[in-house]
Amino acid sequence: MKRLILARISHRFPTATTLCRTLPGFHSVSALDIVSTMPAHASVAKASQGATYRRLATKIGEICGLVLVVISLWLAGPALAKQGDAENGAQVYAKRCVWCHGEEGDGEGPAAERLNPPPRDFTAAQYKIKTTAFDDDFANDDNMFRMIRDGMPATAMPGWNDVLSEQEMWDLVWYIKTVAGLEEEELGADMDYGTQIESSPESIARGKQLFLEDDRCLECHGKEGKGDALKGLKDDSGFRTWPRNLTKPWTFRASNDPRDIFARISTGIPGTQMPAFGAPASDKS
């Protein structure tokens, strides 16, 4: 019976079982240890007693699984800003970035004319992933690191996480800050996200009302959110741009996580016609 229960726990929560034996404070009460304390006659116990053991072991496995999920979410969260070496970042840039972004970081690299949207002009200090408040002019270090690490969906900008080390990516952040003249700038913290509203028929209906009301969103994104409104748009550099097709969430800037969508709506997308709806002065708030 012990082996059967342990096998079921290990099959259902293979990583959690191992995790529970290694986490501080969990070793002495892990699923494996509790199973090992079962009396020797458990194999001939009554069915009800066996069911109790199985429920107990399953519950322990679920708790360990929850611990694993929490730790995984923590590890996948925003990077903690680190000091970088701008000189080393310049070397990484010359090897990996110059072909699109140009020697001066102005977005005029050899491949630029073949890319749409065009590469970012780092000298302008405008970045499409920005989680600082609407009245902060610049993205913060974590935002820049994330753009390098994860890339930009639906563009030619790849994620460099599988090519560069974490330190090299932070070195790039610090070099890019020097290109933009931000090396001495005190960059803002993340915005206040407030409390996320649960998805429900009522909240979805309210969101649709806000989307359509006063042509707030449909004048660019279209009534169905497909980005097909008849409004020609150009960014601050004069390049033709297209509103996002909201029915294709895998193309959203940053990601389709609710917090990222909230940030795009609240702070806008700098350098484009996407306004900051969180700004009190916005005529679309």
Protein backbone atom coordinates (compact mmCIF):
# COMPACT_ATOMS: atom_id res chain seq x y z
CA MET A 1 0.00 0.00 0.00
CA LYS A 2 2.86 2.39 0.82
CA ARG A 3 4.47 1.85 -2.54
CA LEU A 4 1.14 2.28 -4.34
CA ILE A 5 0.37 5.59 -2.65
CA LEU A 6 3.91 6.90 -3.14
CA ALA A 7 3.82 5.90 -6.80
CA ARG A 8 0.54 7.79 -7.27
CA ILE A 9 1.93 10.90 -5.59
CA SER A 10 5.11 10.77 -7.63
CA HIS A 11 3.14 10.25 -10.85
CA ARG A 12 0.75 13.13 -10.20
CA PHE A 13 3.22 15.55 -8.60
CA PRO A 14 6.71 14.36 -9.63
CA THR A 15 8.45 17.68 -9.11
CA ALA A 16 6.43 18.61 -6.04
CA THR A 17 7.42 15.37 -4.31
CA THR A 18 11.08 16.14 -4.81
CA LEU A 19 10.55 19.79 -3.88
CA CYS A 20 8.89 18.94 -0.58
CA ARG A 21 11.95 16.97 0.47
CA THR A 22 14.29 19.88 -0.22
CA LEU A 23 12.40 22.96 0.96
CA PRO A 24 13.34 24.21 4.44
CA GLY A 25 10.75 23.13 6.99
CA PHE A 26 9.12 20.64 4.61
CA HIS A 27 11.59 17.78 4.77
CA SER A 28 10.20 16.29 7.96
CA VAL A 29 6.60 16.45 6.76
CA SER A 30 7.00 15.66 3.07
CA ALA A 31 4.66 13.26 1.32
CA LEU A 32 7.40 10.64 1.23
CA ASP A 33 8.12 10.88 4.94
CA ILE A 34 4.48 10.66 5.97
CA VAL A 35 3.90 7.65 3.78
CA SER A 36 6.94 6.01 5.36
CA THR A 37 5.37 6.36 8.83
CA MET A 38 2.32 4.29 7.93
CA PRO A 39 1.97 1.16 10.04
CA ALA A 40 3.32 -2.05 8.56
CA HIS A 41 -0.13 -3.62 8.44
CA ALA A 42 -1.49 -0.86 6.18
CA SER A 43 -1.49 -3.24 3.25
CA VAL A 44 -4.20 -5.30 4.95
CA ALA A 45 -6.10 -2.43 6.52
CA LYS A 46 -9.72 -1.83 5.83
CA ALA A 47 -10.64 -0.10 2.59
CA SER A 48 -11.77 3.01 4.45
CA GLN A 49 -8.43 3.31 6.20
CA GLY A 50 -6.60 2.93 2.89
CA ALA A 51 -8.78 5.62 1.36
CA THR A 52 -7.90 7.94 4.25
CA TYR A 53 -4.20 7.43 3.60
CA ARG A 54 -4.69 8.10 -0.09
CA ARG A 55 -6.60 11.33 0.59
CA LEU A 56 -3.93 12.44 3.05
CA ALA A 57 -1.11 11.73 0.63
CA THR A 58 -2.95 13.44 -2.24
CA LYS A 59 -3.57 16.54 -0.12
CA ILE A 60 0.11 16.73 0.81
CA GLY A 61 1.03 16.41 -2.84
CA GLU A 62 -1.38 19.22 -3.73
CA ILE A 63 0.14 21.47 -1.07
CA CYS A 64 3.62 20.79 -2.41
CA GLY A 65 2.35 21.45 -5.93
CA LEU A 66 0.96 24.81 -4.79
CA VAL A 67 4.30 25.70 -3.23
CA LEU A 68 5.97 24.86 -6.55
CA VAL A 69 3.54 27.07 -8.48
CA VAL A 70 4.12 30.02 -6.14
CA ILE A 71 7.89 29.67 -6.45
CA SER A 72 7.63 29.36 -10.24
CA LEU A 73 5.53 32.52 -10.47
CA TRP A 74 8.03 34.35 -8.30
CA LEU A 75 10.93 33.27 -10.49
CA ALA A 76 9.05 34.31 -13.66
CA GLY A 77 8.18 37.75 -12.29
CA PRO A 78 9.84 41.06 -13.09
CA ALA A 79 13.63 41.06 -12.93
CA LEU A 80 15.22 42.91 -10.03
CA ALA A 81 17.30 45.77 -11.41
CA LYS A 82 21.02 45.11 -11.27
CA GLN A 83 24.11 47.16 -11.90
CA GLY A 84 25.51 46.71 -15.39
CA ASP A 85 28.82 47.39 -17.09
CA ALA A 86 28.19 49.82 -19.96
CA GLU A 87 31.61 49.13 -21.51
CA ASN A 88 30.92 45.42 -21.75
CA GLY A 89 27.41 46.26 -22.93
CA ALA A 90 28.92 48.22 -25.80
CA GLN A 91 30.83 45.13 -26.90
CA VAL A 92 27.70 42.98 -26.75
CA TYR A 93 25.79 45.65 -28.67
CA ALA A 94 28.43 45.78 -31.41
CA LYS A 95 28.15 42.03 -31.87
CA ARG A 96 24.42 41.47 -31.48
CA CYS A 97 22.46 44.69 -31.96
CA VAL A 98 24.24 47.00 -34.39
CA TRP A 99 22.84 45.26 -37.49
CA CYS A 100 19.33 46.54 -36.81
CA HIS A 101 19.76 49.44 -34.37
CA GLY A 102 22.86 50.97 -35.98
CA GLU A 103 26.28 51.93 -34.67
CA GLU A 104 24.90 55.04 -32.98
CA GLY A 105 21.79 53.32 -31.64
CA ASP A 106 19.57 55.48 -33.85
CA GLY A 107 17.73 52.60 -35.52
CA GLU A 108 19.63 53.03 -38.80
CA GLY A 109 21.39 49.69 -39.00
CA PRO A 110 22.03 47.84 -42.30
CA ALA A 111 18.86 45.75 -41.90
CA ALA A 112 16.60 48.63 -40.86
CA GLU A 113 15.12 49.40 -44.28
CA ARG A 114 13.86 45.83 -44.57
CA LEU A 115 12.09 45.75 -41.22
CA ASN A 116 8.54 46.73 -40.37
CA PRO A 117 8.10 48.02 -37.78
CA PRO A 118 11.54 49.68 -37.91
CA PRO A 119 14.14 49.11 -35.19
CA ARG A 120 13.94 51.26 -32.09
CA ASP A 121 15.86 54.54 -32.06
CA PHE A 122 17.54 54.32 -28.66
CA THR A 123 18.68 57.95 -28.80
CA ALA A 124 15.02 59.01 -28.39
CA ALA A 125 14.66 57.17 -25.06
CA GLN A 126 11.20 55.92 -26.01
CA TYR A 127 10.34 52.29 -25.40
CA LYS A 128 7.11 50.45 -26.11
CA ILE A 129 7.20 48.40 -22.92
CA LYS A 130 6.75 50.86 -20.09
CA THR A 131 5.29 50.13 -16.68
CA THR A 132 6.18 53.40 -14.98
CA ALA A 133 3.36 55.86 -14.32
CA PHE A 134 1.88 57.83 -17.23
CA ASP A 135 3.59 61.03 -16.03
CA ASP A 136 7.05 59.40 -15.96
CA ASP A 137 8.87 60.20 -19.18
CA PHE A 138 10.95 57.04 -19.35
CA ALA A 139 10.76 53.29 -18.95
CA ASN A 140 12.73 51.87 -16.02
CA ASP A 141 15.64 49.42 -15.98
CA ASP A 142 13.38 46.39 -15.53
CA ASN A 143 11.37 47.40 -18.61
CA MET A 144 14.53 47.63 -20.72
CA PHE A 145 15.82 44.31 -19.42
CA ARG A 146 12.53 42.63 -20.22
CA MET A 147 12.57 43.93 -23.81
CA ILE A 148 16.02 42.44 -24.29
CA ARG A 149 15.20 39.17 -22.53
CA ASP A 150 11.78 38.49 -24.08
CA GLY A 151 11.90 40.44 -27.35
CA MET A 152 8.93 42.18 -28.94
CA PRO A 153 6.02 40.07 -30.22
CA ALA A 154 5.13 40.40 -33.92
CA THR A 155 8.39 42.23 -34.73
CA ALA A 156 11.90 41.27 -35.80
CA MET A 157 13.17 41.87 -32.25
CA PRO A 158 14.02 38.45 -30.76
CA GLY A 159 14.34 37.49 -27.13
CA TRP A 160 18.01 37.11 -26.17
CA ASN A 161 17.51 34.97 -23.09
CA ASP A 162 18.87 31.85 -24.77
CA VAL A 163 21.91 33.63 -26.24
CA LEU A 164 23.09 36.14 -23.65
CA SER A 165 23.76 35.65 -19.96
CA GLU A 166 21.70 37.62 -17.45
CA GLN A 167 24.72 39.84 -16.71
CA GLU A 168 25.28 40.53 -20.40
CA MET A 169 21.66 41.61 -20.75
CA TRP A 170 22.04 43.99 -17.77
CA ASP A 171 25.25 45.31 -19.35
CA LEU A 172 23.22 46.04 -22.49
CA VAL A 173 20.62 47.90 -20.42
CA TRP A 174 23.32 50.18 -19.02
CA TYR A 175 24.88 50.76 -22.42
CA ILE A 176 21.51 51.61 -23.99
CA LYS A 177 20.93 54.08 -21.16
CA THR A 178 24.15 55.88 -22.10
CA VAL A 179 23.01 56.05 -25.74
CA ALA A 180 19.80 57.71 -24.57
CA GLY A 181 21.55 59.95 -22.04
CA LEU A 182 19.77 58.27 -19.13
CA GLU A 183 22.79 57.01 -17.21
CA GLU A 184 22.37 59.70 -14.54
CA GLU A 185 18.56 59.76 -14.69
CA GLU A 186 16.61 58.47 -11.69
CA LEU A 187 14.03 56.27 -13.39
CA GLY A 188 10.58 55.71 -11.92
CA ALA A 189 9.17 52.68 -10.14
CA ASP A 190 6.32 50.60 -11.51
CA MET A 191 2.86 52.13 -11.56
CA ASP A 192 0.15 51.30 -9.06
CA TYR A 193 -1.85 48.49 -10.69
CA GLY A 194 -4.67 48.71 -8.19
CA THR A 195 -6.84 45.64 -7.62
CA GLN A 196 -7.57 43.43 -10.61
CA ILE A 197 -11.27 42.96 -11.34
CA GLU A 198 -12.44 39.39 -11.77
CA SER A 199 -13.61 38.47 -15.24
CA SER A 200 -17.40 38.13 -15.33
CA PRO A 201 -20.24 38.76 -17.78
CA GLU A 202 -20.79 42.10 -16.05
CA SER A 203 -17.14 43.23 -16.22
CA ILE A 204 -16.89 42.15 -19.87
CA ALA A 205 -20.06 44.09 -20.72
CA ARG A 206 -18.69 47.16 -18.95
CA GLY A 207 -15.38 46.83 -20.82
CA LYS A 208 -17.23 46.63 -24.14
CA GLN A 209 -19.19 49.74 -23.26
CA LEU A 210 -15.98 51.64 -22.51
CA PHE A 211 -14.40 50.34 -25.74
CA LEU A 212 -17.26 51.62 -27.90
CA GLU A 213 -18.28 54.71 -25.93
CA ASP A 214 -17.40 58.02 -27.63
CA ASP A 215 -15.36 56.07 -30.20
CA ARG A 216 -12.80 55.70 -27.42
CA CYS A 217 -11.07 52.65 -28.94
CA LEU A 218 -12.96 51.74 -32.08
CA GLU A 219 -11.75 54.73 -34.11
CA CYS A 220 -8.37 52.99 -34.37
CA HIS A 221 -8.98 49.35 -33.44
CA GLY A 222 -12.33 49.00 -35.17
CA LYS A 223 -15.71 47.95 -33.82
CA GLU A 224 -14.69 44.30 -33.58
CA GLY A 225 -11.18 45.10 -32.33
CA LYS A 226 -9.46 43.79 -35.45
CA GLY A 227 -7.37 46.93 -36.03
CA ASP A 228 -9.16 47.58 -39.31
CA ALA A 229 -10.53 51.06 -38.73
CA LEU A 230 -10.11 53.46 -41.65
CA LYS A 231 -7.67 55.69 -39.85
CA GLY A 232 -4.15 56.03 -41.31
CA LEU A 233 -1.62 56.33 -38.51
CA LYS A 234 2.03 57.33 -38.35
CA ASP A 235 4.35 57.22 -35.39
CA ASP A 236 6.42 60.14 -34.11
CA SER A 237 9.16 59.33 -36.62
CA GLY A 238 6.76 59.40 -39.56
CA PHE A 239 6.61 55.64 -40.11
CA ARG A 240 3.27 54.08 -41.05
CA THR A 241 1.77 52.13 -38.18
CA TRP A 242 -1.25 49.88 -37.77
CA PRO A 243 -3.47 49.58 -34.71
CA ARG A 244 -3.16 46.27 -32.91
CA ASN A 245 -5.53 43.48 -33.94
CA LEU A 246 -6.95 42.72 -30.51
CA THR A 247 -8.31 39.36 -31.66
CA LYS A 248 -4.68 38.14 -31.91
CA PRO A 249 -3.44 38.42 -28.32
CA TRP A 250 -0.12 36.72 -29.09
CA THR A 251 0.90 39.91 -30.93
CA PHE A 252 0.29 42.26 -27.98
CA ARG A 253 3.23 44.45 -26.96
CA ALA A 254 4.88 42.81 -23.90
CA SER A 255 2.24 40.07 -23.50
CA ASN A 256 -1.49 39.40 -23.14
CA ASP A 257 -1.25 39.15 -19.36
CA PRO A 258 -3.92 41.38 -17.74
CA ARG A 259 -1.26 43.48 -15.99
CA ASP A 260 0.54 44.13 -19.27
CA ILE A 261 -2.72 45.08 -21.00
CA PHE A 262 -3.53 47.40 -18.09
CA ALA A 263 -0.10 49.03 -18.45
CA ARG A 264 -0.53 49.56 -22.21
CA ILE A 265 -3.92 51.18 -21.67
CA SER A 266 -2.83 53.26 -18.67
CA THR A 267 0.50 54.60 -19.95
CA GLY A 268 0.00 54.24 -23.70
CA ILE A 269 2.78 53.25 -26.09
CA PRO A 270 5.36 56.06 -26.34
CA GLY A 271 6.13 57.27 -29.82
CA THR A 272 2.82 56.04 -31.22
CA GLN A 273 -0.78 57.23 -31.37
CA MET A 274 -1.75 54.93 -28.50
CA PRO A 275 -2.55 57.46 -25.73
CA ALA A 276 -2.18 57.13 -21.98
CA PHE A 277 -5.73 56.60 -20.79
CA GLY A 278 -4.56 56.89 -17.19
CA ALA A 279 -3.63 60.55 -17.69
CA PRO A 280 -6.27 62.87 -16.16
CA ALA A 281 -5.86 65.26 -19.09
CA SER A 282 -6.58 62.56 -21.67
CA ASP A 283 -9.73 63.32 -23.64
CA LYS A 284 -10.36 59.56 -23.81
CA SER A 285 -10.17 58.79 -20.09
